[in-house]
Amino acid sequence: MKRISNILALAILMLAIATSAQAEGAASGNPGSIAVEIENQTPCFLFGGYQLSVGVRYGRFRIRASTQDSGTADFEDNGIDDRDERFSRAYDDGSFSVTVDYFLNDYFFGYACLASNRWLVEDKDNSAGDHLRTLDAGLGLGLQYVFYKGLFIQLTGQVNFRERQSLIIQSSRYTVPGIDYSPGLRLGYQFR
């Protein structure tokens, strides 16, 4: 219940910020210069988690701030340079990121991301777990398509890089992969 209240409060705050930024852009005499976007990584909800982003778009550039918890989704399979099938790894509360996007045209964009992720790592055999904090840098490509009056869908692919860190969970050593692949499917709304 507390998690739902926190998510609802965050969503209301994002809407208030977006509405305020939209009003400022319209009052500046150049209403098309600034757009505010709110989006979510929709598959997170299917696993009992959430992801929320708010972004400000100016011309071809956009900057986004995000927070997420992936619920029960297991990201250990996304490791490129190393994986450990004995463990599961999921984004936990307290993961956040900042992303800078550059739109090549109306649809395609490239981006760079810096994220402070709090991972929940669990041993699949006995459900023992611990948290691991990483600082990730990512590069990605995406496609954004506005399909109805500001509603959009976004498909992305990102490669994340991080320092390889280890932790011990009940005498078993876990080492986080140094490189991950991260696909994304987001739904959002653009305020103009």
Protein backbone atom coordinates (compact mmCIF):
# COMPACT_ATOMS: atom_id res chain seq x y z
CA MET A 1 0.00 0.00 0.00
CA LYS A 2 2.85 2.38 0.84
CA ARG A 3 4.48 1.70 -2.55
CA ILE A 4 1.22 2.54 -4.38
CA SER A 5 0.91 5.79 -2.39
CA ASN A 6 4.50 6.75 -3.26
CA ILE A 7 3.95 6.00 -6.96
CA LEU A 8 0.72 8.00 -6.98
CA ALA A 9 2.40 10.96 -5.25
CA LEU A 10 5.27 10.85 -7.76
CA ALA A 11 2.84 10.73 -10.70
CA ILE A 12 0.89 13.73 -9.36
CA LEU A 13 4.15 15.65 -8.83
CA MET A 14 5.26 14.89 -12.40
CA LEU A 15 1.91 16.05 -13.80
CA ALA A 16 2.16 19.29 -11.79
CA ILE A 17 5.69 19.93 -13.07
CA ALA A 18 4.64 19.15 -16.65
CA THR A 19 1.61 21.44 -16.48
CA SER A 20 3.73 24.26 -15.01
CA ALA A 21 6.43 23.88 -17.68
CA GLN A 22 3.79 23.77 -20.41
CA ALA A 23 2.24 27.01 -19.14
CA GLU A 24 5.65 28.71 -18.98
CA GLY A 25 6.44 27.63 -22.55
CA ALA A 26 3.12 28.97 -23.84
CA ALA A 27 3.56 32.27 -21.97
CA SER A 28 7.06 32.83 -23.38
CA GLY A 29 5.67 33.70 -26.82
CA ASN A 30 7.15 30.59 -28.42
CA PRO A 31 4.78 27.75 -27.44
CA GLY A 32 6.41 25.18 -29.72
CA SER A 33 9.90 25.51 -28.28
CA ILE A 34 9.42 23.47 -25.11
CA ALA A 35 7.62 20.16 -24.65
CA VAL A 36 7.34 18.16 -21.45
CA GLU A 37 7.03 14.38 -21.65
CA ILE A 38 5.94 11.88 -19.05
CA GLU A 39 6.52 8.19 -19.73
CA ASN A 40 6.70 4.78 -18.13
CA GLN A 41 8.48 1.53 -18.92
CA THR A 42 5.25 -0.42 -19.29
CA PRO A 43 6.60 -4.00 -18.84
CA CYS A 44 7.74 -3.14 -15.28
CA PHE A 45 4.07 -3.04 -14.22
CA LEU A 46 3.62 -6.64 -15.42
CA PHE A 47 6.26 -7.77 -12.91
CA GLY A 48 4.91 -5.77 -9.96
CA GLY A 49 7.29 -2.83 -10.39
CA TYR A 50 7.21 0.63 -11.91
CA GLN A 51 9.27 3.06 -13.97
CA LEU A 52 8.42 6.73 -14.30
CA SER A 53 10.24 9.42 -16.28
CA VAL A 54 9.71 13.10 -16.81
CA GLY A 55 11.54 14.84 -19.63
CA VAL A 56 11.87 18.32 -21.06
CA ARG A 57 12.35 18.57 -24.80
CA TYR A 58 13.82 21.64 -26.46
CA GLY A 59 14.37 21.46 -30.20
CA ARG A 60 16.19 18.21 -30.97
CA PHE A 61 17.37 17.69 -27.36
CA ARG A 62 15.56 16.13 -24.41
CA ILE A 63 16.69 15.54 -20.85
CA ARG A 64 14.87 12.93 -18.74
CA ALA A 65 14.95 11.96 -15.07
CA SER A 66 13.70 8.48 -14.13
CA THR A 67 13.11 6.24 -11.17
CA GLN A 68 12.28 2.56 -11.24
CA ASP A 69 11.73 -0.73 -9.46
CA SER A 70 11.49 -3.73 -11.79
CA GLY A 71 9.53 -5.91 -9.37
CA THR A 72 10.26 -9.59 -10.02
CA ALA A 73 11.80 -9.12 -13.50
CA ASP A 74 15.22 -10.82 -13.68
CA PHE A 75 17.94 -8.79 -15.43
CA GLU A 76 20.73 -11.30 -14.86
CA ASP A 77 19.99 -12.82 -18.29
CA ASN A 78 20.82 -9.44 -19.91
CA GLY A 79 24.47 -9.63 -18.88
CA ILE A 80 26.75 -9.63 -21.92
CA ASP A 81 30.18 -10.24 -20.43
CA ASP A 82 29.14 -12.48 -17.53
CA ARG A 83 26.01 -14.10 -16.08
CA ASP A 84 25.35 -16.28 -13.10
CA GLU A 85 22.31 -18.55 -13.40
CA ARG A 86 22.31 -19.22 -9.64
CA PHE A 87 21.22 -15.62 -8.96
CA SER A 88 18.46 -13.24 -10.02
CA ARG A 89 19.00 -9.48 -10.24
CA ALA A 90 16.25 -6.82 -10.26
CA TYR A 91 16.09 -3.02 -9.99
CA ASP A 92 14.91 -2.13 -6.49
CA ASP A 93 13.47 1.05 -4.94
CA GLY A 94 16.07 3.79 -5.04
CA SER A 95 17.23 3.29 -8.64
CA PHE A 96 17.29 6.53 -10.62
CA SER A 97 18.84 7.91 -13.80
CA VAL A 98 19.37 11.00 -15.94
CA THR A 99 19.30 10.68 -19.73
CA VAL A 100 20.15 13.12 -22.53
CA ASP A 101 18.54 12.38 -25.90
CA TYR A 102 19.27 13.82 -29.33
CA PHE A 103 16.56 13.41 -31.99
CA LEU A 104 17.98 12.72 -35.45
CA ASN A 105 14.52 13.37 -36.97
CA ASP A 106 10.90 13.24 -35.77
CA TYR A 107 11.18 9.55 -34.84
CA PHE A 108 14.74 8.31 -34.23
CA PHE A 109 17.02 9.38 -31.39
CA GLY A 110 20.31 8.48 -29.77
CA TYR A 111 20.95 8.91 -26.07
CA ALA A 112 23.43 8.73 -23.20
CA CYS A 113 22.40 7.77 -19.68
CA LEU A 114 23.93 7.89 -16.21
CA ALA A 115 22.18 5.74 -13.60
CA SER A 116 22.60 4.99 -9.92
CA ASN A 117 21.01 1.56 -9.64
CA ARG A 118 20.13 -0.31 -6.48
CA TRP A 119 19.96 -4.00 -7.38
CA LEU A 120 18.23 -6.67 -5.36
CA VAL A 121 20.33 -9.81 -5.89
CA GLU A 122 18.82 -13.11 -4.76
CA ASP A 123 20.12 -16.66 -4.65
CA LYS A 124 17.53 -18.69 -6.60
CA ASP A 125 18.08 -21.81 -4.46
CA ASN A 126 17.27 -20.34 -1.06
CA SER A 127 15.81 -16.85 -1.79
CA ALA A 128 18.52 -15.20 0.32
CA GLY A 129 19.28 -11.74 -0.99
CA ASP A 130 21.23 -8.54 -0.59
CA HIS A 131 21.45 -5.13 -2.24
CA LEU A 132 24.20 -3.86 -4.52
CA ARG A 133 24.55 -0.23 -5.68
CA THR A 134 26.15 0.41 -9.09
CA LEU A 135 26.87 3.50 -11.16
CA ASP A 136 26.00 2.68 -14.78
CA ALA A 137 26.76 4.62 -17.97
CA GLY A 138 24.70 3.71 -21.02
CA LEU A 139 24.38 4.47 -24.73
CA GLY A 140 21.27 3.72 -26.72
CA LEU A 141 19.13 4.17 -29.79
CA GLY A 142 15.39 4.64 -29.86
CA LEU A 143 12.28 5.20 -31.90
CA GLN A 144 9.45 7.44 -30.66
CA TYR A 145 6.13 7.54 -32.48
CA VAL A 146 3.33 9.93 -31.48
CA PHE A 147 0.15 8.07 -32.39
CA TYR A 148 -2.68 10.18 -30.92
CA LYS A 149 -2.70 13.81 -29.72
CA GLY A 150 0.52 13.63 -27.70
CA LEU A 151 0.35 9.93 -26.73
CA PHE A 152 3.47 8.12 -27.85
CA ILE A 153 5.14 4.74 -27.87
CA GLN A 154 8.88 4.40 -27.59
CA LEU A 155 11.11 1.42 -28.42
CA THR A 156 14.73 1.54 -27.25
CA GLY A 157 17.86 -0.56 -27.02
CA GLN A 158 20.64 0.39 -24.63
CA VAL A 159 24.04 -0.98 -23.62
CA ASN A 160 25.09 -0.23 -20.03
CA PHE A 161 28.63 -0.26 -18.66
CA ARG A 162 29.58 -0.51 -14.98
CA GLU A 163 32.41 -1.48 -12.68
CA ARG A 164 32.21 -5.18 -11.84
CA GLN A 165 31.45 -5.54 -8.14
CA SER A 166 30.95 -8.60 -6.00
CA LEU A 167 29.00 -9.48 -2.91
CA ILE A 168 28.64 -12.60 -0.78
CA ILE A 169 25.17 -14.07 -0.23
CA GLN A 170 25.22 -16.98 2.24
CA SER A 171 28.77 -18.02 1.31
CA SER A 172 28.12 -17.75 -2.47
CA ARG A 173 29.93 -15.03 -4.41
CA TYR A 174 27.94 -12.98 -6.91
CA THR A 175 29.64 -10.63 -9.40
CA VAL A 176 27.50 -8.16 -11.34
CA PRO A 177 28.12 -8.15 -15.12
CA GLY A 178 30.17 -5.19 -16.37
CA ILE A 179 28.08 -4.87 -19.55
CA ASP A 180 24.30 -5.27 -19.93
CA TYR A 181 21.87 -4.99 -22.81
CA SER A 182 18.61 -3.28 -21.89
CA PRO A 183 15.61 -3.21 -24.26
CA GLY A 184 12.79 -0.79 -23.53
CA LEU A 185 9.10 -0.32 -24.33
CA ARG A 186 7.63 2.91 -23.01
CA LEU A 187 4.27 4.63 -23.26
CA GLY A 188 4.04 8.34 -22.63
CA TYR A 189 2.38 11.66 -23.19
CA GLN A 190 3.86 14.83 -24.66
CA PHE A 191 2.58 18.19 -23.37
CA ARG A 192 3.02 20.99 -25.93
